[in-house]
All heavy atoms as atom14 arrays in JSON, in Angstrom:
{
  "sequence": "IDAAIAKTAEFFEAMGIKTKLADYGLGKEAIDAVVAQLEKHGMTAI",
  "atom14_mask": [
    [1, 1, 1, 1, 1, 1, 1, 1, 0, 0, 0, 0, 0, 0],
    [1, 1, 1, 1, 1, 1, 1, 1, 0, 0, 0, 0, 0, 0],
    [1, 1, 1, 1, 1, 0, 0, 0, 0, 0, 0, 0, 0, 0],
    [1, 1, 1, 1, 1, 0, 0, 0, 0, 0, 0, 0, 0, 0],
    [1, 1, 1, 1, 1, 1, 1, 1, 0, 0, 0, 0, 0, 0],
    [1, 1, 1, 1, 1, 0, 0, 0, 0, 0, 0, 0, 0, 0],
    [1, 1, 1, 1, 1, 1, 1, 1, 1, 0, 0, 0, 0, 0],
    [1, 1, 1, 1, 1, 1, 1, 0, 0, 0, 0, 0, 0, 0],
    [1, 1, 1, 1, 1, 0, 0, 0, 0, 0, 0, 0, 0, 0],
    [1, 1, 1, 1, 1, 1, 1, 1, 1, 0, 0, 0, 0, 0],
    [1, 1, 1, 1, 1, 1, 1, 1, 1, 1, 1, 0, 0, 0],
    [1, 1, 1, 1, 1, 1, 1, 1, 1, 1, 1, 0, 0, 0],
    [1, 1, 1, 1, 1, 1, 1, 1, 1, 0, 0, 0, 0, 0],
    [1, 1, 1, 1, 1, 0, 0, 0, 0, 0, 0, 0, 0, 0],
    [1, 1, 1, 1, 1, 1, 1, 1, 0, 0, 0, 0, 0, 0],
    [1, 1, 1, 1, 0, 0, 0, 0, 0, 0, 0, 0, 0, 0],
    [1, 1, 1, 1, 1, 1, 1, 1, 0, 0, 0, 0, 0, 0],
    [1, 1, 1, 1, 1, 1, 1, 1, 1, 0, 0, 0, 0, 0],
    [1, 1, 1, 1, 1, 1, 1, 0, 0, 0, 0, 0, 0, 0],
    [1, 1, 1, 1, 1, 1, 1, 1, 1, 0, 0, 0, 0, 0],
    [1, 1, 1, 1, 1, 1, 1, 1, 0, 0, 0, 0, 0, 0],
    [1, 1, 1, 1, 1, 0, 0, 0, 0, 0, 0, 0, 0, 0],
    [1, 1, 1, 1, 1, 1, 1, 1, 0, 0, 0, 0, 0, 0],
    [1, 1, 1, 1, 1, 1, 1, 1, 1, 1, 1, 1, 0, 0],
    [1, 1, 1, 1, 0, 0, 0, 0, 0, 0, 0, 0, 0, 0],
    [1, 1, 1, 1, 1, 1, 1, 1, 0, 0, 0, 0, 0, 0],
    [1, 1, 1, 1, 0, 0, 0, 0, 0, 0, 0, 0, 0, 0],
    [1, 1, 1, 1, 1, 1, 1, 1, 1, 0, 0, 0, 0, 0],
    [1, 1, 1, 1, 1, 1, 1, 1, 1, 0, 0, 0, 0, 0],
    [1, 1, 1, 1, 1, 0, 0, 0, 0, 0, 0, 0, 0, 0],
    [1, 1, 1, 1, 1, 1, 1, 1, 0, 0, 0, 0, 0, 0],
    [1, 1, 1, 1, 1, 1, 1, 1, 0, 0, 0, 0, 0, 0],
    [1, 1, 1, 1, 1, 0, 0, 0, 0, 0, 0, 0, 0, 0],
    [1, 1, 1, 1, 1, 1, 1, 0, 0, 0, 0, 0, 0, 0],
    [1, 1, 1, 1, 1, 1, 1, 0, 0, 0, 0, 0, 0, 0],
    [1, 1, 1, 1, 1, 0, 0, 0, 0, 0, 0, 0, 0, 0],
    [1, 1, 1, 1, 1, 1, 1, 1, 1, 0, 0, 0, 0, 0],
    [1, 1, 1, 1, 1, 1, 1, 1, 0, 0, 0, 0, 0, 0],
    [1, 1, 1, 1, 1, 1, 1, 1, 1, 0, 0, 0, 0, 0],
    [1, 1, 1, 1, 1, 1, 1, 1, 1, 0, 0, 0, 0, 0],
    [1, 1, 1, 1, 1, 1, 1, 1, 1, 1, 0, 0, 0, 0],
    [1, 1, 1, 1, 0, 0, 0, 0, 0, 0, 0, 0, 0, 0],
    [1, 1, 1, 1, 1, 1, 1, 1, 0, 0, 0, 0, 0, 0],
    [1, 1, 1, 1, 1, 1, 1, 0, 0, 0, 0, 0, 0, 0],
    [1, 1, 1, 1, 1, 0, 0, 0, 0, 0, 0, 0, 0, 0],
    [1, 1, 1, 1, 1, 1, 1, 1, 0, 0, 0, 0, 0, 0]
  ],
  "atom14_positions": [
    [[81.69, 7.56, 37.09], [80.59, 7.39, 38.03], [79.25, 7.39, 37.29], [78.38, 6.55, 37.53], [80.63, 8.48, 39.12], [81.81, 8.21, 40.06], [79.31, 8.52, 39.9], [82.07, 9.32, 41.07], [0.0, 0.0, 0.0], [0.0, 0.0, 0.0], [0.0, 0.0, 0.0], [0.0, 0.0, 0.0], [0.0, 0.0, 0.0], [0.0, 0.0, 0.0]],
    [[79.1, 8.35, 36.36], [77.88, 8.38, 35.55], [77.66, 7.06, 34.82], [76.55, 6.53, 34.76], [77.96, 9.52, 34.52], [77.72, 10.89, 35.12], [77.13, 10.96, 36.22], [78.14, 11.89, 34.5], [0.0, 0.0, 0.0], [0.0, 0.0, 0.0], [0.0, 0.0, 0.0], [0.0, 0.0, 0.0], [0.0, 0.0, 0.0], [0.0, 0.0, 0.0]],
    [[78.73, 6.54, 34.26], [78.62, 5.3, 33.49], [78.24, 4.12, 34.39], [77.44, 3.26, 34.01], [79.94, 5.01, 32.77], [0.0, 0.0, 0.0], [0.0, 0.0, 0.0], [0.0, 0.0, 0.0], [0.0, 0.0, 0.0], [0.0, 0.0, 0.0], [0.0, 0.0, 0.0], [0.0, 0.0, 0.0], [0.0, 0.0, 0.0], [0.0, 0.0, 0.0]],
    [[78.79, 4.08, 35.6], [78.48, 2.98, 36.52], [77.02, 3.03, 36.96], [76.35, 1.99, 37.05], [79.4, 3.04, 37.74], [0.0, 0.0, 0.0], [0.0, 0.0, 0.0], [0.0, 0.0, 0.0], [0.0, 0.0, 0.0], [0.0, 0.0, 0.0], [0.0, 0.0, 0.0], [0.0, 0.0, 0.0], [0.0, 0.0, 0.0], [0.0, 0.0, 0.0]],
    [[76.53, 4.23, 37.24], [75.12, 4.37, 37.62], [74.22, 3.98, 36.46], [73.21, 3.28, 36.64], [74.82, 5.82, 38.1], [75.62, 6.12, 39.38], [73.33, 6.01, 38.34], [75.57, 7.58, 39.8], [0.0, 0.0, 0.0], [0.0, 0.0, 0.0], [0.0, 0.0, 0.0], [0.0, 0.0, 0.0], [0.0, 0.0, 0.0], [0.0, 0.0, 0.0]],
    [[74.59, 4.41, 35.26], [73.8, 4.05, 34.07], [73.81, 2.54, 33.85], [72.77, 1.95, 33.53], [74.36, 4.77, 32.84], [0.0, 0.0, 0.0], [0.0, 0.0, 0.0], [0.0, 0.0, 0.0], [0.0, 0.0, 0.0], [0.0, 0.0, 0.0], [0.0, 0.0, 0.0], [0.0, 0.0, 0.0], [0.0, 0.0, 0.0], [0.0, 0.0, 0.0]],
    [[74.96, 1.9, 34.03], [75.05, 0.45, 33.86], [74.15, -0.28, 34.87], [73.53, -1.3, 34.56], [76.5, -0.01, 34.04], [77.41, 0.28, 32.87], [77.18, -0.73, 31.75], [78.22, -0.62, 30.66], [77.95, -1.56, 29.55], [0.0, 0.0, 0.0], [0.0, 0.0, 0.0], [0.0, 0.0, 0.0], [0.0, 0.0, 0.0], [0.0, 0.0, 0.0]],
    [[74.1, 0.26, 36.08], [73.26, -0.33, 37.12], [71.8, -0.29, 36.71], [71.09, -1.3, 36.79], [73.47, 0.4, 38.46], [74.86, 0.39, 38.79], [72.67, -0.26, 39.57], [0.0, 0.0, 0.0], [0.0, 0.0, 0.0], [0.0, 0.0, 0.0], [0.0, 0.0, 0.0], [0.0, 0.0, 0.0], [0.0, 0.0, 0.0], [0.0, 0.0, 0.0]],
    [[71.34, 0.88, 36.27], [69.95, 1.01, 35.84], [69.66, 0.13, 34.62], [68.59, -0.48, 34.52], [69.64, 2.48, 35.54], [0.0, 0.0, 0.0], [0.0, 0.0, 0.0], [0.0, 0.0, 0.0], [0.0, 0.0, 0.0], [0.0, 0.0, 0.0], [0.0, 0.0, 0.0], [0.0, 0.0, 0.0], [0.0, 0.0, 0.0], [0.0, 0.0, 0.0]],
    [[70.62, 0.07, 33.7], [70.45, -0.78, 32.51], [70.32, -2.25, 32.89], [69.55, -2.99, 32.28], [71.64, -0.58, 31.56], [71.64, 0.77, 30.85], [72.97, 1.04, 30.16], [73.81, 0.1, 30.08], [73.19, 2.19, 29.73], [0.0, 0.0, 0.0], [0.0, 0.0, 0.0], [0.0, 0.0, 0.0], [0.0, 0.0, 0.0], [0.0, 0.0, 0.0]],
    [[71.07, -2.67, 33.9], [70.97, -4.06, 34.35], [69.57, -4.35, 34.89], [68.97, -5.38, 34.57], [72.03, -4.33, 35.42], [71.94, -5.68, 36.06], [72.04, -6.84, 35.31], [71.73, -5.79, 37.43], [71.95, -8.09, 35.9], [71.63, -7.04, 38.02], [71.74, -8.19, 37.26], [0.0, 0.0, 0.0], [0.0, 0.0, 0.0], [0.0, 0.0, 0.0]],
    [[69.05, -3.44, 35.71], [67.7, -3.64, 36.24], [66.68, -3.7, 35.09], [65.78, -4.54, 35.09], [67.34, -2.51, 37.2], [68.18, -2.45, 38.44], [68.22, -1.29, 39.21], [68.93, -3.54, 38.86], [68.99, -1.22, 40.36], [69.71, -3.48, 40.02], [69.74, -2.31, 40.77], [0.0, 0.0, 0.0], [0.0, 0.0, 0.0], [0.0, 0.0, 0.0]],
    [[66.82, -2.79, 34.14], [65.91, -2.76, 33.0], [66.02, -4.06, 32.19], [65.01, -4.6, 31.71], [66.2, -1.56, 32.11], [65.94, -0.2, 32.76], [64.5, 0.25, 32.66], [63.71, -0.42, 31.97], [64.17, 1.29, 33.28], [0.0, 0.0, 0.0], [0.0, 0.0, 0.0], [0.0, 0.0, 0.0], [0.0, 0.0, 0.0], [0.0, 0.0, 0.0]],
    [[67.24, -4.58, 32.06], [67.43, -5.84, 31.32], [66.77, -7.01, 32.03], [66.4, -8.0, 31.38], [68.93, -6.12, 31.16], [0.0, 0.0, 0.0], [0.0, 0.0, 0.0], [0.0, 0.0, 0.0], [0.0, 0.0, 0.0], [0.0, 0.0, 0.0], [0.0, 0.0, 0.0], [0.0, 0.0, 0.0], [0.0, 0.0, 0.0], [0.0, 0.0, 0.0]],
    [[66.58, -6.88, 33.34], [65.86, -7.9, 34.09], [64.35, -7.72, 34.01], [63.59, -8.46, 34.63], [66.31, -7.87, 35.57], [67.77, -8.23, 35.79], [68.22, -9.86, 35.15], [67.15, -10.91, 36.1], [0.0, 0.0, 0.0], [0.0, 0.0, 0.0], [0.0, 0.0, 0.0], [0.0, 0.0, 0.0], [0.0, 0.0, 0.0], [0.0, 0.0, 0.0]],
    [[63.92, -6.7, 33.24], [62.5, -6.45, 33.09], [61.91, -5.61, 34.2], [60.69, -5.56, 34.38], [0.0, 0.0, 0.0], [0.0, 0.0, 0.0], [0.0, 0.0, 0.0], [0.0, 0.0, 0.0], [0.0, 0.0, 0.0], [0.0, 0.0, 0.0], [0.0, 0.0, 0.0], [0.0, 0.0, 0.0], [0.0, 0.0, 0.0], [0.0, 0.0, 0.0]],
    [[62.76, -4.91, 34.94], [62.31, -4.1, 36.07], [62.55, -2.62, 35.78], [63.69, -2.2, 35.6], [63.02, -4.53, 37.37], [62.62, -5.97, 37.69], [62.69, -3.6, 38.52], [63.14, -6.5, 38.98], [0.0, 0.0, 0.0], [0.0, 0.0, 0.0], [0.0, 0.0, 0.0], [0.0, 0.0, 0.0], [0.0, 0.0, 0.0], [0.0, 0.0, 0.0]],
    [[61.48, -1.87, 35.71], [61.55, -0.46, 35.38], [62.11, 0.36, 36.54], [61.95, 0.0, 37.7], [60.17, 0.07, 34.99], [59.57, -0.62, 33.76], [60.42, -0.38, 32.54], [59.81, -0.99, 31.29], [60.67, -0.8, 30.1], [0.0, 0.0, 0.0], [0.0, 0.0, 0.0], [0.0, 0.0, 0.0], [0.0, 0.0, 0.0], [0.0, 0.0, 0.0]],
    [[62.74, 1.48, 36.21], [63.5, 2.24, 37.2], [63.01, 3.67, 37.42], [63.69, 4.45, 38.09], [64.98, 2.28, 36.81], [65.1, 2.87, 35.51], [65.58, 0.88, 36.78], [0.0, 0.0, 0.0], [0.0, 0.0, 0.0], [0.0, 0.0, 0.0], [0.0, 0.0, 0.0], [0.0, 0.0, 0.0], [0.0, 0.0, 0.0], [0.0, 0.0, 0.0]],
    [[61.85, 4.0, 36.87], [61.33, 5.35, 37.02], [59.94, 5.33, 37.66], [59.14, 4.42, 37.41], [61.25, 6.07, 35.67], [62.61, 6.31, 35.0], [63.46, 7.29, 35.81], [64.76, 7.62, 35.11], [65.61, 8.55, 35.9], [0.0, 0.0, 0.0], [0.0, 0.0, 0.0], [0.0, 0.0, 0.0], [0.0, 0.0, 0.0], [0.0, 0.0, 0.0]],
    [[59.66, 6.34, 38.47], [58.33, 6.44, 39.08], [57.23, 6.46, 38.03], [56.16, 5.86, 38.22], [58.26, 7.7, 39.95], [59.01, 7.67, 41.28], [59.08, 9.06, 41.88], [58.37, 6.7, 42.26], [0.0, 0.0, 0.0], [0.0, 0.0, 0.0], [0.0, 0.0, 0.0], [0.0, 0.0, 0.0], [0.0, 0.0, 0.0], [0.0, 0.0, 0.0]],
    [[57.49, 7.14, 36.94], [56.48, 7.25, 35.88], [56.11, 5.89, 35.32], [54.97, 5.68, 34.87], [56.98, 8.16, 34.77], [0.0, 0.0, 0.0], [0.0, 0.0, 0.0], [0.0, 0.0, 0.0], [0.0, 0.0, 0.0], [0.0, 0.0, 0.0], [0.0, 0.0, 0.0], [0.0, 0.0, 0.0], [0.0, 0.0, 0.0], [0.0, 0.0, 0.0]],
    [[57.04, 4.94, 35.35], [56.76, 3.59, 34.86], [55.68, 2.89, 35.69], [55.07, 1.92, 35.23], [58.02, 2.74, 34.88], [59.1, 3.25, 33.93], [58.75, 3.7, 32.82], [60.29, 3.21, 34.3], [0.0, 0.0, 0.0], [0.0, 0.0, 0.0], [0.0, 0.0, 0.0], [0.0, 0.0, 0.0], [0.0, 0.0, 0.0], [0.0, 0.0, 0.0]],
    [[55.47, 3.39, 36.9], [54.48, 2.81, 37.8], [53.28, 3.74, 37.99], [52.49, 3.57, 38.93], [55.14, 2.5, 39.15], [56.3, 1.54, 39.0], [57.59, 2.02, 38.7], [56.13, 0.16, 39.1], [58.65, 1.13, 38.54], [57.19, -0.72, 38.94], [58.45, -0.22, 38.65], [59.51, -1.1, 38.47], [0.0, 0.0, 0.0], [0.0, 0.0, 0.0]],
    [[53.16, 4.71, 37.09], [52.03, 5.62, 37.13], [52.1, 6.65, 38.23], [51.07, 7.21, 38.63], [0.0, 0.0, 0.0], [0.0, 0.0, 0.0], [0.0, 0.0, 0.0], [0.0, 0.0, 0.0], [0.0, 0.0, 0.0], [0.0, 0.0, 0.0], [0.0, 0.0, 0.0], [0.0, 0.0, 0.0], [0.0, 0.0, 0.0], [0.0, 0.0, 0.0]],
    [[53.3, 6.95, 38.72], [53.46, 7.89, 39.82], [54.18, 9.15, 39.35], [55.04, 9.09, 38.48], [54.25, 7.25, 40.97], [53.63, 6.0, 41.6], [54.54, 5.43, 42.67], [52.25, 6.3, 42.17], [0.0, 0.0, 0.0], [0.0, 0.0, 0.0], [0.0, 0.0, 0.0], [0.0, 0.0, 0.0], [0.0, 0.0, 0.0], [0.0, 0.0, 0.0]],
    [[53.83, 10.26, 39.98], [54.45, 11.54, 39.66], [54.9, 12.26, 40.92], [55.2, 11.64, 41.95], [0.0, 0.0, 0.0], [0.0, 0.0, 0.0], [0.0, 0.0, 0.0], [0.0, 0.0, 0.0], [0.0, 0.0, 0.0], [0.0, 0.0, 0.0], [0.0, 0.0, 0.0], [0.0, 0.0, 0.0], [0.0, 0.0, 0.0], [0.0, 0.0, 0.0]],
    [[54.9, 13.59, 40.86], [55.41, 14.4, 41.97], [54.62, 14.19, 43.26], [55.15, 14.36, 44.37], [55.4, 15.88, 41.58], [56.4, 16.22, 40.48], [56.38, 17.7, 40.14], [57.4, 18.03, 39.05], [57.38, 19.48, 38.7], [0.0, 0.0, 0.0], [0.0, 0.0, 0.0], [0.0, 0.0, 0.0], [0.0, 0.0, 0.0], [0.0, 0.0, 0.0]],
    [[53.33, 13.85, 43.13], [52.52, 13.65, 44.33], [53.07, 12.51, 45.19], [52.97, 12.54, 46.43], [51.06, 13.37, 43.94], [50.78, 11.97, 43.39], [51.34, 11.7, 42.01], [51.66, 12.68, 41.29], [51.45, 10.51, 41.62], [0.0, 0.0, 0.0], [0.0, 0.0, 0.0], [0.0, 0.0, 0.0], [0.0, 0.0, 0.0], [0.0, 0.0, 0.0]],
    [[53.67, 11.52, 44.55], [54.24, 10.4, 45.3], [55.45, 10.83, 46.12], [55.7, 10.29, 47.2], [54.62, 9.28, 44.34], [0.0, 0.0, 0.0], [0.0, 0.0, 0.0], [0.0, 0.0, 0.0], [0.0, 0.0, 0.0], [0.0, 0.0, 0.0], [0.0, 0.0, 0.0], [0.0, 0.0, 0.0], [0.0, 0.0, 0.0], [0.0, 0.0, 0.0]],
    [[56.19, 11.8, 45.6], [57.37, 12.28, 46.31], [56.96, 12.91, 47.63], [57.52, 12.61, 48.69], [58.16, 13.28, 45.45], [58.66, 12.58, 44.18], [59.31, 13.88, 46.24], [59.36, 13.5, 43.2], [0.0, 0.0, 0.0], [0.0, 0.0, 0.0], [0.0, 0.0, 0.0], [0.0, 0.0, 0.0], [0.0, 0.0, 0.0], [0.0, 0.0, 0.0]],
    [[55.95, 13.77, 47.58], [55.46, 14.4, 48.81], [54.97, 13.35, 49.81], [55.24, 13.45, 51.01], [54.31, 15.36, 48.49], [54.76, 16.58, 47.69], [55.94, 16.95, 47.8], [53.93, 17.15, 46.96], [0.0, 0.0, 0.0], [0.0, 0.0, 0.0], [0.0, 0.0, 0.0], [0.0, 0.0, 0.0], [0.0, 0.0, 0.0], [0.0, 0.0, 0.0]],
    [[54.26, 12.35, 49.31], [53.71, 11.32, 50.18], [54.81, 10.49, 50.84], [54.74, 10.2, 52.04], [52.76, 10.43, 49.39], [0.0, 0.0, 0.0], [0.0, 0.0, 0.0], [0.0, 0.0, 0.0], [0.0, 0.0, 0.0], [0.0, 0.0, 0.0], [0.0, 0.0, 0.0], [0.0, 0.0, 0.0], [0.0, 0.0, 0.0], [0.0, 0.0, 0.0]],
    [[55.82, 10.12, 50.07], [56.9, 9.3, 50.62], [57.7, 10.09, 51.64], [58.04, 9.59, 52.72], [57.81, 8.77, 49.49], [59.09, 8.16, 50.07], [57.07, 7.75, 48.65], [0.0, 0.0, 0.0], [0.0, 0.0, 0.0], [0.0, 0.0, 0.0], [0.0, 0.0, 0.0], [0.0, 0.0, 0.0], [0.0, 0.0, 0.0], [0.0, 0.0, 0.0]],
    [[58.03, 11.33, 51.33], [58.79, 12.16, 52.27], [58.01, 12.35, 53.57], [58.58, 12.29, 54.67], [59.15, 13.52, 51.62], [59.76, 14.46, 52.67], [60.12, 13.33, 50.47], [0.0, 0.0, 0.0], [0.0, 0.0, 0.0], [0.0, 0.0, 0.0], [0.0, 0.0, 0.0], [0.0, 0.0, 0.0], [0.0, 0.0, 0.0], [0.0, 0.0, 0.0]],
    [[56.7, 12.55, 53.46], [55.87, 12.69, 54.66], [55.91, 11.42, 55.5], [55.98, 11.48, 56.74], [54.44, 13.02, 54.27], [0.0, 0.0, 0.0], [0.0, 0.0, 0.0], [0.0, 0.0, 0.0], [0.0, 0.0, 0.0], [0.0, 0.0, 0.0], [0.0, 0.0, 0.0], [0.0, 0.0, 0.0], [0.0, 0.0, 0.0], [0.0, 0.0, 0.0]],
    [[55.91, 10.27, 54.84], [55.97, 9.0, 55.57], [57.32, 8.82, 56.26], [57.39, 8.33, 57.39], [55.73, 7.83, 54.6], [54.28, 7.63, 54.19], [53.46, 7.0, 55.3], [52.86, 7.71, 56.11], [53.42, 5.68, 55.35], [0.0, 0.0, 0.0], [0.0, 0.0, 0.0], [0.0, 0.0, 0.0], [0.0, 0.0, 0.0], [0.0, 0.0, 0.0]],
    [[58.4, 9.2, 55.58], [59.72, 9.11, 56.2], [59.77, 9.96, 57.47], [60.3, 9.52, 58.51], [60.8, 9.57, 55.22], [61.11, 8.64, 54.05], [61.99, 9.33, 53.03], [61.78, 7.35, 54.53], [0.0, 0.0, 0.0], [0.0, 0.0, 0.0], [0.0, 0.0, 0.0], [0.0, 0.0, 0.0], [0.0, 0.0, 0.0], [0.0, 0.0, 0.0]],
    [[59.23, 11.15, 57.38], [59.21, 12.04, 58.56], [58.34, 11.45, 59.66], [58.71, 11.47, 60.85], [58.71, 13.42, 58.15], [59.68, 14.16, 57.23], [59.14, 15.48, 56.72], [57.89, 15.6, 56.58], [59.95, 16.38, 56.46], [0.0, 0.0, 0.0], [0.0, 0.0, 0.0], [0.0, 0.0, 0.0], [0.0, 0.0, 0.0], [0.0, 0.0, 0.0]],
    [[57.21, 10.89, 59.29], [56.28, 10.29, 60.25], [56.95, 9.15, 61.02], [56.72, 8.97, 62.22], [55.05, 9.78, 59.52], [54.06, 9.01, 60.38], [52.91, 8.49, 59.54], [51.97, 7.6, 60.33], [50.87, 7.05, 59.48], [0.0, 0.0, 0.0], [0.0, 0.0, 0.0], [0.0, 0.0, 0.0], [0.0, 0.0, 0.0], [0.0, 0.0, 0.0]],
    [[57.79, 8.39, 60.32], [58.43, 7.24, 60.94], [59.81, 7.55, 61.52], [60.56, 6.64, 61.88], [58.53, 6.1, 59.92], [57.19, 5.57, 59.5], [56.87, 5.25, 58.2], [56.06, 5.31, 60.23], [55.62, 4.83, 58.13], [55.11, 4.86, 59.35], [0.0, 0.0, 0.0], [0.0, 0.0, 0.0], [0.0, 0.0, 0.0], [0.0, 0.0, 0.0]],
    [[60.15, 8.85, 61.59], [61.41, 9.25, 62.2], [62.64, 8.97, 61.36], [63.77, 8.98, 61.87], [0.0, 0.0, 0.0], [0.0, 0.0, 0.0], [0.0, 0.0, 0.0], [0.0, 0.0, 0.0], [0.0, 0.0, 0.0], [0.0, 0.0, 0.0], [0.0, 0.0, 0.0], [0.0, 0.0, 0.0], [0.0, 0.0, 0.0], [0.0, 0.0, 0.0]],
    [[62.43, 8.74, 60.04], [63.55, 8.45, 59.15], [64.1, 9.75, 58.57], [64.07, 10.0, 57.37], [63.1, 7.52, 58.02], [62.44, 6.24, 58.49], [63.58, 5.15, 59.37], [62.49, 3.79, 59.77], [0.0, 0.0, 0.0], [0.0, 0.0, 0.0], [0.0, 0.0, 0.0], [0.0, 0.0, 0.0], [0.0, 0.0, 0.0], [0.0, 0.0, 0.0]],
    [[64.64, 10.58, 59.44], [65.07, 11.92, 59.03], [66.58, 12.08, 59.01], [67.09, 13.15, 58.63], [64.46, 12.98, 59.97], [64.85, 12.68, 61.32], [62.94, 12.97, 59.88], [0.0, 0.0, 0.0], [0.0, 0.0, 0.0], [0.0, 0.0, 0.0], [0.0, 0.0, 0.0], [0.0, 0.0, 0.0], [0.0, 0.0, 0.0], [0.0, 0.0, 0.0]],
    [[67.32, 11.05, 59.41], [68.77, 11.12, 59.41], [69.3, 9.71, 59.13], [69.81, 9.04, 60.02], [69.31, 11.65, 60.73], [0.0, 0.0, 0.0], [0.0, 0.0, 0.0], [0.0, 0.0, 0.0], [0.0, 0.0, 0.0], [0.0, 0.0, 0.0], [0.0, 0.0, 0.0], [0.0, 0.0, 0.0], [0.0, 0.0, 0.0], [0.0, 0.0, 0.0]],
    [[69.15, 9.26, 57.89], [69.47, 7.88, 57.55], [70.72, 7.82, 56.66], [71.34, 8.83, 56.36], [68.26, 7.19, 56.87], [67.83, 7.95, 55.6], [67.1, 7.1, 57.85], [66.67, 7.29, 54.87], [0.0, 0.0, 0.0], [0.0, 0.0, 0.0], [0.0, 0.0, 0.0], [0.0, 0.0, 0.0], [0.0, 0.0, 0.0], [0.0, 0.0, 0.0]]
  ]
}
């Protein structure tokens, strides 16, 4: 399972698409903001 997940991320990276929040200049503050938005929009049991 670990290997399959790693292969998936490697494929995205090979396409030139970064897979980490930090790659887009985002940190822990983005996590709080996104979770708040999910709650705001009723996305609490998806």
